[in-house]
Amino acid sequence: NAVLARDYPLMQYGFLLTSIMVILASCLTDALYA
């Protein structure tokens, strides 16, 4: 809904939070995999 509304701040911080979670999960995967 934020994309449809061109809601810049909501898009920014929402996408940022989800992207960081993906990166942290990948980092955790490397650590636990070893």
All heavy atoms as atom14 arrays in JSON, in Angstrom:
{
  "sequence": "NAVLARDYPLMQYGFLLTSIMVILASCLTDALYA",
  "atom14_mask": [
    [1, 1, 1, 1, 1, 1, 1, 1, 0, 0, 0, 0, 0, 0],
    [1, 1, 1, 1, 1, 0, 0, 0, 0, 0, 0, 0, 0, 0],
    [1, 1, 1, 1, 1, 1, 1, 0, 0, 0, 0, 0, 0, 0],
    [1, 1, 1, 1, 1, 1, 1, 1, 0, 0, 0, 0, 0, 0],
    [1, 1, 1, 1, 1, 0, 0, 0, 0, 0, 0, 0, 0, 0],
    [1, 1, 1, 1, 1, 1, 1, 1, 1, 1, 1, 0, 0, 0],
    [1, 1, 1, 1, 1, 1, 1, 1, 0, 0, 0, 0, 0, 0],
    [1, 1, 1, 1, 1, 1, 1, 1, 1, 1, 1, 1, 0, 0],
    [1, 1, 1, 1, 1, 1, 1, 0, 0, 0, 0, 0, 0, 0],
    [1, 1, 1, 1, 1, 1, 1, 1, 0, 0, 0, 0, 0, 0],
    [1, 1, 1, 1, 1, 1, 1, 1, 0, 0, 0, 0, 0, 0],
    [1, 1, 1, 1, 1, 1, 1, 1, 1, 0, 0, 0, 0, 0],
    [1, 1, 1, 1, 1, 1, 1, 1, 1, 1, 1, 1, 0, 0],
    [1, 1, 1, 1, 0, 0, 0, 0, 0, 0, 0, 0, 0, 0],
    [1, 1, 1, 1, 1, 1, 1, 1, 1, 1, 1, 0, 0, 0],
    [1, 1, 1, 1, 1, 1, 1, 1, 0, 0, 0, 0, 0, 0],
    [1, 1, 1, 1, 1, 1, 1, 1, 0, 0, 0, 0, 0, 0],
    [1, 1, 1, 1, 1, 1, 1, 0, 0, 0, 0, 0, 0, 0],
    [1, 1, 1, 1, 1, 1, 0, 0, 0, 0, 0, 0, 0, 0],
    [1, 1, 1, 1, 1, 1, 1, 1, 0, 0, 0, 0, 0, 0],
    [1, 1, 1, 1, 1, 1, 1, 1, 0, 0, 0, 0, 0, 0],
    [1, 1, 1, 1, 1, 1, 1, 0, 0, 0, 0, 0, 0, 0],
    [1, 1, 1, 1, 1, 1, 1, 1, 0, 0, 0, 0, 0, 0],
    [1, 1, 1, 1, 1, 1, 1, 1, 0, 0, 0, 0, 0, 0],
    [1, 1, 1, 1, 1, 0, 0, 0, 0, 0, 0, 0, 0, 0],
    [1, 1, 1, 1, 1, 1, 0, 0, 0, 0, 0, 0, 0, 0],
    [1, 1, 1, 1, 1, 1, 0, 0, 0, 0, 0, 0, 0, 0],
    [1, 1, 1, 1, 1, 1, 1, 1, 0, 0, 0, 0, 0, 0],
    [1, 1, 1, 1, 1, 1, 1, 0, 0, 0, 0, 0, 0, 0],
    [1, 1, 1, 1, 1, 1, 1, 1, 0, 0, 0, 0, 0, 0],
    [1, 1, 1, 1, 1, 0, 0, 0, 0, 0, 0, 0, 0, 0],
    [1, 1, 1, 1, 1, 1, 1, 1, 0, 0, 0, 0, 0, 0],
    [1, 1, 1, 1, 1, 1, 1, 1, 1, 1, 1, 1, 0, 0],
    [1, 1, 1, 1, 1, 0, 0, 0, 0, 0, 0, 0, 0, 0]
  ],
  "atom14_positions": [
    [[0.83, -1.21, 0.0], [0.0, 0.0, 0.0], [0.86, 1.26, 0.0], [0.47, 2.29, -0.57], [-0.93, 0.0, 1.21], [-2.01, -1.07, 1.12], [-2.5, -1.36, 0.04], [-2.35, -1.68, 2.25], [0.0, 0.0, 0.0], [0.0, 0.0, 0.0], [0.0, 0.0, 0.0], [0.0, 0.0, 0.0], [0.0, 0.0, 0.0], [0.0, 0.0, 0.0]],
    [[2.03, 1.18, 0.62], [2.93, 2.34, 0.63], [3.45, 2.63, -0.77], [3.6, 3.8, -1.15], [4.09, 2.09, 1.59], [0.0, 0.0, 0.0], [0.0, 0.0, 0.0], [0.0, 0.0, 0.0], [0.0, 0.0, 0.0], [0.0, 0.0, 0.0], [0.0, 0.0, 0.0], [0.0, 0.0, 0.0], [0.0, 0.0, 0.0], [0.0, 0.0, 0.0]],
    [[3.74, 1.59, -1.54], [4.19, 1.78, -2.93], [3.09, 2.42, -3.76], [3.34, 3.34, -4.55], [4.63, 0.43, -3.53], [4.91, 0.57, -5.02], [5.87, -0.1, -2.82], [0.0, 0.0, 0.0], [0.0, 0.0, 0.0], [0.0, 0.0, 0.0], [0.0, 0.0, 0.0], [0.0, 0.0, 0.0], [0.0, 0.0, 0.0], [0.0, 0.0, 0.0]],
    [[1.87, 1.94, -3.6], [0.76, 2.5, -4.36], [0.54, 3.97, -4.02], [0.17, 4.78, -4.88], [-0.53, 1.72, -4.06], [-0.58, 0.27, -4.54], [-1.92, -0.36, -4.19], [-0.33, 0.17, -6.04], [0.0, 0.0, 0.0], [0.0, 0.0, 0.0], [0.0, 0.0, 0.0], [0.0, 0.0, 0.0], [0.0, 0.0, 0.0], [0.0, 0.0, 0.0]],
    [[0.78, 4.33, -2.76], [0.55, 5.7, -2.31], [1.77, 6.6, -2.47], [1.71, 7.77, -2.09], [0.11, 5.69, -0.84], [0.0, 0.0, 0.0], [0.0, 0.0, 0.0], [0.0, 0.0, 0.0], [0.0, 0.0, 0.0], [0.0, 0.0, 0.0], [0.0, 0.0, 0.0], [0.0, 0.0, 0.0], [0.0, 0.0, 0.0], [0.0, 0.0, 0.0]],
    [[2.87, 6.06, -3.02], [4.12, 6.83, -3.14], [4.53, 7.4, -1.78], [4.98, 8.54, -1.68], [3.98, 7.97, -4.15], [3.54, 7.54, -5.53], [4.56, 6.61, -6.19], [4.2, 6.32, -7.56], [3.44, 5.28, -7.92], [2.95, 4.48, -6.99], [3.17, 5.07, -9.18], [0.0, 0.0, 0.0], [0.0, 0.0, 0.0], [0.0, 0.0, 0.0]],
    [[4.34, 6.6, -0.75], [4.66, 7.02, 0.62], [6.16, 6.77, 0.86], [6.57, 5.73, 1.36], [3.81, 6.22, 1.61], [3.79, 6.84, 2.99], [4.76, 7.54, 3.33], [2.8, 6.64, 3.73], [0.0, 0.0, 0.0], [0.0, 0.0, 0.0], [0.0, 0.0, 0.0], [0.0, 0.0, 0.0], [0.0, 0.0, 0.0], [0.0, 0.0, 0.0]],
    [[6.99, 7.76, 0.49], [8.44, 7.59, 0.54], [8.97, 7.12, 1.9], [9.7, 6.14, 1.98], [9.14, 8.9, 0.15], [8.95, 9.32, -1.29], [9.19, 10.63, -1.67], [8.54, 8.41, -2.25], [9.01, 11.03, -2.99], [8.36, 8.81, -3.57], [8.6, 10.12, -3.93], [8.42, 10.51, -5.22], [0.0, 0.0, 0.0], [0.0, 0.0, 0.0]],
    [[8.63, 7.83, 2.98], [9.2, 7.42, 4.28], [8.8, 6.0, 4.68], [9.63, 5.24, 5.17], [8.61, 8.46, 5.25], [8.27, 9.63, 4.41], [7.82, 9.06, 3.1], [0.0, 0.0, 0.0], [0.0, 0.0, 0.0], [0.0, 0.0, 0.0], [0.0, 0.0, 0.0], [0.0, 0.0, 0.0], [0.0, 0.0, 0.0], [0.0, 0.0, 0.0]],
    [[7.54, 5.65, 4.49], [7.09, 4.32, 4.87], [7.77, 3.25, 4.02], [8.17, 2.19, 4.53], [5.56, 4.21, 4.72], [4.91, 2.9, 5.18], [5.29, 2.58, 6.62], [3.39, 2.98, 5.01], [0.0, 0.0, 0.0], [0.0, 0.0, 0.0], [0.0, 0.0, 0.0], [0.0, 0.0, 0.0], [0.0, 0.0, 0.0], [0.0, 0.0, 0.0]],
    [[7.92, 3.51, 2.73], [8.64, 2.57, 1.85], [10.09, 2.44, 2.29], [10.63, 1.33, 2.38], [8.58, 3.07, 0.4], [7.3, 2.73, -0.33], [7.43, 3.07, -2.1], [7.37, 4.85, -2.12], [0.0, 0.0, 0.0], [0.0, 0.0, 0.0], [0.0, 0.0, 0.0], [0.0, 0.0, 0.0], [0.0, 0.0, 0.0], [0.0, 0.0, 0.0]],
    [[10.73, 3.56, 2.54], [12.16, 3.56, 2.89], [12.44, 2.71, 4.11], [13.26, 1.78, 4.07], [12.62, 5.0, 3.14], [12.84, 5.8, 1.89], [13.3, 7.21, 2.18], [13.79, 7.9, 1.31], [13.16, 7.65, 3.41], [0.0, 0.0, 0.0], [0.0, 0.0, 0.0], [0.0, 0.0, 0.0], [0.0, 0.0, 0.0], [0.0, 0.0, 0.0]],
    [[11.78, 3.02, 5.2], [12.1, 2.35, 6.46], [11.55, 0.92, 6.5], [12.14, 0.05, 7.15], [11.58, 3.18, 7.63], [12.24, 4.54, 7.71], [11.52, 5.7, 7.45], [13.59, 4.65, 8.01], [12.13, 6.94, 7.5], [14.2, 5.89, 8.07], [13.47, 7.03, 7.81], [14.08, 8.25, 7.85], [0.0, 0.0, 0.0], [0.0, 0.0, 0.0]],
    [[10.46, 0.67, 5.8], [9.95, -0.7, 5.72], [10.88, -1.59, 4.93], [11.24, -2.69, 5.37], [0.0, 0.0, 0.0], [0.0, 0.0, 0.0], [0.0, 0.0, 0.0], [0.0, 0.0, 0.0], [0.0, 0.0, 0.0], [0.0, 0.0, 0.0], [0.0, 0.0, 0.0], [0.0, 0.0, 0.0], [0.0, 0.0, 0.0], [0.0, 0.0, 0.0]],
    [[11.29, -1.14, 3.73], [12.21, -1.93, 2.91], [13.57, -2.06, 3.58], [14.22, -3.11, 3.48], [12.38, -1.28, 1.53], [11.2, -1.45, 0.63], [10.72, -0.4, -0.13], [10.54, -2.67, 0.54], [9.62, -0.54, -0.96], [9.44, -2.84, -0.28], [8.98, -1.77, -1.03], [0.0, 0.0, 0.0], [0.0, 0.0, 0.0], [0.0, 0.0, 0.0]],
    [[14.0, -1.0, 4.25], [15.3, -1.05, 4.92], [15.29, -2.12, 6.01], [16.24, -2.91, 6.13], [15.62, 0.31, 5.52], [16.94, 0.41, 6.3], [18.11, 0.16, 5.38], [17.06, 1.77, 6.98], [0.0, 0.0, 0.0], [0.0, 0.0, 0.0], [0.0, 0.0, 0.0], [0.0, 0.0, 0.0], [0.0, 0.0, 0.0], [0.0, 0.0, 0.0]],
    [[14.26, -2.15, 6.81], [14.17, -3.12, 7.9], [14.17, -4.55, 7.37], [14.89, -5.41, 7.87], [12.91, -2.86, 8.73], [12.67, -3.81, 9.91], [13.81, -3.7, 10.92], [11.34, -3.51, 10.58], [0.0, 0.0, 0.0], [0.0, 0.0, 0.0], [0.0, 0.0, 0.0], [0.0, 0.0, 0.0], [0.0, 0.0, 0.0], [0.0, 0.0, 0.0]],
    [[13.37, -4.81, 6.35], [13.3, -6.16, 5.8], [14.61, -6.56, 5.12], [15.04, -7.72, 5.22], [12.14, -6.28, 4.81], [12.28, -5.27, 3.79], [10.81, -6.09, 5.5], [0.0, 0.0, 0.0], [0.0, 0.0, 0.0], [0.0, 0.0, 0.0], [0.0, 0.0, 0.0], [0.0, 0.0, 0.0], [0.0, 0.0, 0.0], [0.0, 0.0, 0.0]],
    [[15.25, -5.62, 4.43], [16.52, -5.93, 3.76], [17.61, -6.27, 4.77], [18.39, -7.22, 4.57], [16.96, -4.74, 2.9], [16.01, -4.45, 1.91], [0.0, 0.0, 0.0], [0.0, 0.0, 0.0], [0.0, 0.0, 0.0], [0.0, 0.0, 0.0], [0.0, 0.0, 0.0], [0.0, 0.0, 0.0], [0.0, 0.0, 0.0], [0.0, 0.0, 0.0]],
    [[17.67, -5.5, 5.85], [18.68, -5.78, 6.89], [18.43, -7.13, 7.53], [19.38, -7.87, 7.85], [18.68, -4.65, 7.93], [19.26, -3.37, 7.32], [19.5, -5.05, 9.16], [19.26, -2.18, 8.26], [0.0, 0.0, 0.0], [0.0, 0.0, 0.0], [0.0, 0.0, 0.0], [0.0, 0.0, 0.0], [0.0, 0.0, 0.0], [0.0, 0.0, 0.0]],
    [[17.18, -7.51, 7.72], [16.87, -8.82, 8.29], [17.34, -9.95, 7.37], [17.84, -10.97, 7.85], [15.36, -8.94, 8.54], [14.84, -8.08, 9.67], [15.69, -8.38, 11.24], [15.34, -10.12, 11.49], [0.0, 0.0, 0.0], [0.0, 0.0, 0.0], [0.0, 0.0, 0.0], [0.0, 0.0, 0.0], [0.0, 0.0, 0.0], [0.0, 0.0, 0.0]],
    [[17.2, -9.77, 6.08], [17.68, -10.77, 5.13], [19.2, -10.9, 5.21], [19.76, -12.0, 5.23], [17.25, -10.41, 3.69], [17.91, -11.36, 2.68], [15.74, -10.47, 3.56], [0.0, 0.0, 0.0], [0.0, 0.0, 0.0], [0.0, 0.0, 0.0], [0.0, 0.0, 0.0], [0.0, 0.0, 0.0], [0.0, 0.0, 0.0], [0.0, 0.0, 0.0]],
    [[19.89, -9.77, 5.28], [21.35, -9.78, 5.35], [21.82, -10.42, 6.65], [22.76, -11.23, 6.66], [21.9, -8.34, 5.22], [21.59, -7.8, 3.82], [23.4, -8.31, 5.47], [21.92, -6.33, 3.65], [0.0, 0.0, 0.0], [0.0, 0.0, 0.0], [0.0, 0.0, 0.0], [0.0, 0.0, 0.0], [0.0, 0.0, 0.0], [0.0, 0.0, 0.0]],
    [[21.2, -10.06, 7.78], [21.59, -10.62, 9.07], [21.33, -12.13, 9.1], [22.11, -12.89, 9.68], [20.83, -9.93, 10.2], [21.21, -8.46, 10.45], [20.36, -7.89, 11.58], [22.69, -8.33, 10.78], [0.0, 0.0, 0.0], [0.0, 0.0, 0.0], [0.0, 0.0, 0.0], [0.0, 0.0, 0.0], [0.0, 0.0, 0.0], [0.0, 0.0, 0.0]],
    [[20.23, -12.57, 8.5], [19.94, -14.0, 8.45], [20.99, -14.74, 7.62], [21.41, -15.84, 7.98], [18.55, -14.24, 7.86], [0.0, 0.0, 0.0], [0.0, 0.0, 0.0], [0.0, 0.0, 0.0], [0.0, 0.0, 0.0], [0.0, 0.0, 0.0], [0.0, 0.0, 0.0], [0.0, 0.0, 0.0], [0.0, 0.0, 0.0], [0.0, 0.0, 0.0]],
    [[21.43, -14.13, 6.54], [22.48, -14.74, 5.72], [23.8, -14.82, 6.49], [24.51, -15.83, 6.42], [22.67, -13.92, 4.44], [23.68, -14.48, 3.63], [0.0, 0.0, 0.0], [0.0, 0.0, 0.0], [0.0, 0.0, 0.0], [0.0, 0.0, 0.0], [0.0, 0.0, 0.0], [0.0, 0.0, 0.0], [0.0, 0.0, 0.0], [0.0, 0.0, 0.0]],
    [[24.11, -13.76, 7.24], [25.32, -13.76, 8.07], [25.23, -14.83, 9.15], [26.21, -15.55, 9.42], [25.51, -12.38, 8.69], [27.0, -12.21, 9.7], [0.0, 0.0, 0.0], [0.0, 0.0, 0.0], [0.0, 0.0, 0.0], [0.0, 0.0, 0.0], [0.0, 0.0, 0.0], [0.0, 0.0, 0.0], [0.0, 0.0, 0.0], [0.0, 0.0, 0.0]],
    [[24.06, -14.95, 9.78], [23.86, -15.97, 10.8], [23.97, -17.37, 10.21], [24.5, -18.29, 10.85], [22.49, -15.78, 11.46], [22.13, -16.74, 12.6], [23.11, -16.59, 13.76], [20.71, -16.49, 13.07], [0.0, 0.0, 0.0], [0.0, 0.0, 0.0], [0.0, 0.0, 0.0], [0.0, 0.0, 0.0], [0.0, 0.0, 0.0], [0.0, 0.0, 0.0]],
    [[23.51, -17.52, 8.98], [23.61, -18.83, 8.3], [25.07, -19.23, 8.13], [25.44, -20.39, 8.37], [22.92, -18.76, 6.93], [21.55, -18.41, 7.11], [23.01, -20.1, 6.22], [0.0, 0.0, 0.0], [0.0, 0.0, 0.0], [0.0, 0.0, 0.0], [0.0, 0.0, 0.0], [0.0, 0.0, 0.0], [0.0, 0.0, 0.0], [0.0, 0.0, 0.0]],
    [[25.9, -18.29, 7.69], [27.32, -18.58, 7.52], [27.96, -19.01, 8.84], [28.74, -19.97, 8.89], [28.05, -17.35, 6.97], [27.77, -17.14, 5.5], [27.26, -18.08, 4.86], [28.03, -16.03, 5.0], [0.0, 0.0, 0.0], [0.0, 0.0, 0.0], [0.0, 0.0, 0.0], [0.0, 0.0, 0.0], [0.0, 0.0, 0.0], [0.0, 0.0, 0.0]],
    [[27.62, -18.3, 9.91], [28.21, -18.61, 11.22], [27.77, -19.98, 11.73], [28.59, -20.78, 12.2], [27.86, -17.52, 12.22], [0.0, 0.0, 0.0], [0.0, 0.0, 0.0], [0.0, 0.0, 0.0], [0.0, 0.0, 0.0], [0.0, 0.0, 0.0], [0.0, 0.0, 0.0], [0.0, 0.0, 0.0], [0.0, 0.0, 0.0], [0.0, 0.0, 0.0]],
    [[26.48, -20.26, 11.64], [25.96, -21.53, 12.15], [26.34, -22.69, 11.25], [26.52, -23.82, 11.72], [24.43, -21.45, 12.28], [23.91, -20.49, 13.35], [22.39, -20.49, 13.36], [24.45, -20.86, 14.72], [0.0, 0.0, 0.0], [0.0, 0.0, 0.0], [0.0, 0.0, 0.0], [0.0, 0.0, 0.0], [0.0, 0.0, 0.0], [0.0, 0.0, 0.0]],
    [[26.44, -22.43, 9.95], [26.79, -23.5, 9.01], [28.17, -24.07, 9.31], [28.41, -25.27, 9.22], [26.74, -22.95, 7.59], [26.53, -24.01, 6.53], [25.62, -25.04, 6.73], [27.23, -23.97, 5.33], [25.41, -26.0, 5.76], [27.02, -24.93, 4.35], [26.1, -25.94, 4.58], [25.9, -26.89, 3.61], [0.0, 0.0, 0.0], [0.0, 0.0, 0.0]],
    [[29.09, -23.17, 9.67], [30.45, -23.61, 10.02], [30.45, -24.45, 11.29], [31.28, -25.35, 11.46], [31.37, -22.41, 10.17], [0.0, 0.0, 0.0], [0.0, 0.0, 0.0], [0.0, 0.0, 0.0], [0.0, 0.0, 0.0], [0.0, 0.0, 0.0], [0.0, 0.0, 0.0], [0.0, 0.0, 0.0], [0.0, 0.0, 0.0], [0.0, 0.0, 0.0]]
  ]
}
